[in-house]
Amino acid sequence: MRVTLAYNLRREESEAEAELLSRTDLETLLAALEELPYQITPVEVSGPTDQVIAELRLFSIPCSAPGG
């Protein structure tokens, strides 16, 4: 089974980005997920929607833009 982990990476330590994952959080989460019998694909989803969709399509992940 393939699992895609979509995440937003924290760029700075600020209250505005407190809900985003730090690099350490991401590495810890990926290490735990890699213990499972799945193929894990981490994908950063910050940025313009078109750019995110293009990246997801590189991994053959079905997706469409909101409203489309």
C-alpha atoms as a PDB file:
ATOM      1  CA  MET A   1       0.000   0.000   0.000  1.00  0.00           C
ATOM      2  CA  ARG A   2       1.184   3.495  -0.799  1.00  0.00           C
ATOM      3  CA  VAL A   3       0.709   6.313   1.714  1.00  0.00           C
ATOM      4  CA  THR A   4       1.341   9.965   0.900  1.00  0.00           C
ATOM      5  CA  LEU A   5       2.226  12.222   3.810  1.00  0.00           C
ATOM      6  CA  ALA A   6       1.278  15.765   2.811  1.00  0.00           C
ATOM      7  CA  TYR A   7       2.813  18.338   5.118  1.00  0.00           C
ATOM      8  CA  ASN A   8       3.646  22.016   5.522  1.00  0.00           C
ATOM      9  CA  LEU A   9       7.180  22.600   6.767  1.00  0.00           C
ATOM     10  CA  ARG A  10       7.789  25.299   9.377  1.00  0.00           C
ATOM     11  CA  ARG A  11      10.194  27.878   7.952  1.00  0.00           C
ATOM     12  CA  GLU A  12      10.646  29.947  11.113  1.00  0.00           C
ATOM     13  CA  GLU A  13       9.896  29.744  14.813  1.00  0.00           C
ATOM     14  CA  SER A  14       6.895  32.055  15.081  1.00  0.00           C
ATOM     15  CA  GLU A  15       3.373  31.912  16.416  1.00  0.00           C
ATOM     16  CA  ALA A  16       2.025  32.212  12.859  1.00  0.00           C
ATOM     17  CA  GLU A  17       3.740  28.936  11.905  1.00  0.00           C
ATOM     18  CA  ALA A  18       3.285  27.075  15.191  1.00  0.00           C
ATOM     19  CA  GLU A  19       0.905  24.491  13.674  1.00  0.00           C
ATOM     20  CA  LEU A  20       3.362  23.554  10.898  1.00  0.00           C
ATOM     21  CA  LEU A  21       5.848  20.683  11.186  1.00  0.00           C
ATOM     22  CA  SER A  22       9.448  21.339  12.125  1.00  0.00           C
ATOM     23  CA  ARG A  23      12.152  19.343  10.308  1.00  0.00           C
ATOM     24  CA  THR A  24      12.612  17.312  13.531  1.00  0.00           C
ATOM     25  CA  ASP A  25       8.863  16.597  13.773  1.00  0.00           C
ATOM     26  CA  LEU A  26       8.815  15.466  10.146  1.00  0.00           C
ATOM     27  CA  GLU A  27      11.825  13.167  10.575  1.00  0.00           C
ATOM     28  CA  THR A  28      10.295  11.626  13.717  1.00  0.00           C
ATOM     29  CA  LEU A  29       6.970  11.049  11.982  1.00  0.00           C
ATOM     30  CA  LEU A  30       8.620   9.523   8.908  1.00  0.00           C
ATOM     31  CA  ALA A  31      10.763   7.218  11.057  1.00  0.00           C
ATOM     32  CA  ALA A  32       7.631   5.931  12.808  1.00  0.00           C
ATOM     33  CA  LEU A  33       5.726   5.478   9.535  1.00  0.00           C
ATOM     34  CA  GLU A  34       8.626   3.598   7.942  1.00  0.00           C
ATOM     35  CA  GLU A  35       8.141   0.889  10.578  1.00  0.00           C
ATOM     36  CA  LEU A  36       4.803   0.078   8.920  1.00  0.00           C
ATOM     37  CA  PRO A  37       4.559  -2.178   5.866  1.00  0.00           C
ATOM     38  CA  TYR A  38       3.697   0.715   3.527  1.00  0.00           C
ATOM     39  CA  GLN A  39       5.505   2.750   0.903  1.00  0.00           C
ATOM     40  CA  ILE A  40       5.597   6.269   2.399  1.00  0.00           C
ATOM     41  CA  THR A  41       5.928   9.301   0.100  1.00  0.00           C
ATOM     42  CA  PRO A  42       6.410  12.619   1.920  1.00  0.00           C
ATOM     43  CA  VAL A  43       5.234  15.644  -0.092  1.00  0.00           C
ATOM     44  CA  GLU A  44       5.642  19.280   0.946  1.00  0.00           C
ATOM     45  CA  VAL A  45       2.353  20.996   0.066  1.00  0.00           C
ATOM     46  CA  SER A  46       3.220  24.605   0.865  1.00  0.00           C
ATOM     47  CA  GLY A  47       3.041  26.946  -2.070  1.00  0.00           C
ATOM     48  CA  PRO A  48       0.819  27.696  -5.028  1.00  0.00           C
ATOM     49  CA  THR A  49      -1.878  25.104  -5.735  1.00  0.00           C
ATOM     50  CA  ASP A  50      -0.712  24.501  -9.317  1.00  0.00           C
ATOM     51  CA  GLN A  51       2.823  23.793  -8.114  1.00  0.00           C
ATOM     52  CA  VAL A  52       1.610  21.357  -5.429  1.00  0.00           C
ATOM     53  CA  ILE A  53      -0.625  19.512  -7.917  1.00  0.00           C
ATOM     54  CA  ALA A  54       2.259  19.228 -10.392  1.00  0.00           C
ATOM     55  CA  GLU A  55       4.466  17.719  -7.685  1.00  0.00           C
ATOM     56  CA  LEU A  56       1.763  15.265  -6.630  1.00  0.00           C
ATOM     57  CA  ARG A  57       1.352  14.148 -10.233  1.00  0.00           C
ATOM     58  CA  LEU A  58       5.084  13.318 -10.352  1.00  0.00           C
ATOM     59  CA  PHE A  59       4.262  10.607  -7.817  1.00  0.00           C
ATOM     60  CA  SER A  60       1.186   9.468  -9.803  1.00  0.00           C
ATOM     61  CA  ILE A  61      -1.101  10.692  -7.027  1.00  0.00           C
ATOM     62  CA  PRO A  62      -4.598  11.490  -8.367  1.00  0.00           C
ATOM     63  CA  CYS A  63      -5.571  15.078  -7.567  1.00  0.00           C
ATOM     64  CA  SER A  64      -7.453  18.041  -8.872  1.00  0.00           C
ATOM     65  CA  ALA A  65      -7.550  21.732  -8.103  1.00  0.00           C
ATOM     66  CA  PRO A  66     -10.288  23.007  -5.778  1.00  0.00           C
ATOM     67  CA  GLY A  67     -13.486  23.534  -7.726  1.00  0.00           C
ATOM     68  CA  GLY A  68     -12.156  21.578 -10.697  1.00  0.00           C
END
